[in-house]
């Protein structure tokens, strides 16, 4: 099972972005999902940088195994979990 979070609709609302990212992490842990696909989109790259900064926080980093940037699609990230 894989979860997907598309941030296109909330790209300019900072608190909503953090809440959505926290929610998807919680859901992945609760449902024991192996992969979460996060779509910040291509744009200027600022949203992707924000997502990567969020994922790099020490408290968040402890919750997942690794992050992979999609080599074929610049506007997509995969977060992998070990349960």
Protein backbone atom coordinates (compact mmCIF):
# COMPACT_ATOMS: atom_id res chain seq x y z
CA UNK A 1 0.00 0.00 0.00
CA UNK A 2 1.19 3.51 -0.84
CA UNK A 3 -0.12 6.89 0.31
CA UNK A 4 -0.05 10.01 -1.85
CA UNK A 5 -0.03 13.68 -0.83
CA UNK A 6 -0.48 16.32 -3.53
CA UNK A 7 0.43 19.79 -2.28
CA UNK A 8 -0.71 21.73 -5.37
CA UNK A 9 -3.90 22.99 -3.70
CA UNK A 10 -2.20 24.33 -0.55
CA UNK A 11 1.16 25.46 -1.95
CA UNK A 12 0.84 28.98 -0.51
CA UNK A 13 -0.55 28.18 2.96
CA UNK A 14 2.38 27.37 5.26
CA UNK A 15 0.49 26.02 8.27
CA UNK A 16 -1.68 23.82 6.04
CA UNK A 17 1.45 22.37 4.39
CA UNK A 18 2.98 21.44 7.75
CA UNK A 19 -0.33 19.98 8.95
CA UNK A 20 -0.75 17.93 5.76
CA UNK A 21 2.81 16.59 6.03
CA UNK A 22 2.34 15.69 9.70
CA UNK A 23 -1.00 14.03 8.94
CA UNK A 24 0.43 11.89 6.12
CA UNK A 25 3.33 10.80 8.34
CA UNK A 26 0.89 9.86 11.13
CA UNK A 27 -1.32 7.97 8.69
CA UNK A 28 1.66 6.09 7.21
CA UNK A 29 2.78 5.00 10.66
CA UNK A 30 -0.71 4.08 11.79
CA UNK A 31 -1.52 2.04 8.66
CA UNK A 32 2.04 0.67 8.47
CA UNK A 33 2.44 1.92 4.90
CA UNK A 34 5.84 1.35 3.29
CA UNK A 35 5.86 4.32 0.86
CA UNK A 36 4.45 7.84 0.85
CA UNK A 37 4.52 9.81 -2.41
CA UNK A 38 4.66 13.58 -1.88
CA UNK A 39 3.99 15.84 -4.86
CA UNK A 40 5.17 19.41 -4.27
CA UNK A 41 5.10 20.06 -8.01
CA UNK A 42 7.80 21.51 -10.23
CA UNK A 43 7.27 25.28 -10.07
CA UNK A 44 10.11 27.35 -8.64
CA UNK A 45 11.26 24.55 -6.35
CA UNK A 46 10.49 26.47 -3.15
CA UNK A 47 7.74 24.09 -2.04
CA UNK A 48 9.98 21.07 -2.61
CA UNK A 49 12.71 22.75 -0.54
CA UNK A 50 10.19 23.39 2.23
CA UNK A 51 9.09 19.72 2.19
CA UNK A 52 12.72 18.56 2.30
CA UNK A 53 13.43 20.90 5.24
CA UNK A 54 10.39 19.46 7.03
CA UNK A 55 11.58 15.90 6.38
CA UNK A 56 15.09 16.81 7.57
CA UNK A 57 13.89 17.91 11.01
CA UNK A 58 15.34 15.65 13.70
CA UNK A 59 11.91 14.72 15.14
CA UNK A 60 10.54 13.85 11.69
CA UNK A 61 13.67 12.10 10.41
CA UNK A 62 13.37 9.56 13.23
CA UNK A 63 9.97 8.46 11.87
CA UNK A 64 11.03 7.23 8.41
CA UNK A 65 13.79 5.20 6.78
CA UNK A 66 14.82 7.28 3.74
CA UNK A 67 13.73 9.89 1.18
CA UNK A 68 14.19 9.49 -2.55
CA UNK A 69 13.83 12.20 -5.18
CA UNK A 70 12.18 10.91 -8.34
CA UNK A 71 14.83 10.98 -11.08
CA UNK A 72 12.19 11.09 -13.84
CA UNK A 73 9.89 13.68 -12.25
CA UNK A 74 11.50 16.63 -10.45
CA UNK A 75 8.21 17.47 -8.69
CA UNK A 76 7.86 14.21 -6.76
CA UNK A 77 9.42 12.69 -3.63
CA UNK A 78 9.11 9.26 -2.05
CA UNK A 79 9.38 8.68 1.68
CA UNK A 80 10.09 5.08 2.69
CA UNK A 81 9.22 3.59 6.07
CA UNK A 82 10.49 0.53 7.94
CA UNK A 83 7.89 -0.87 10.31
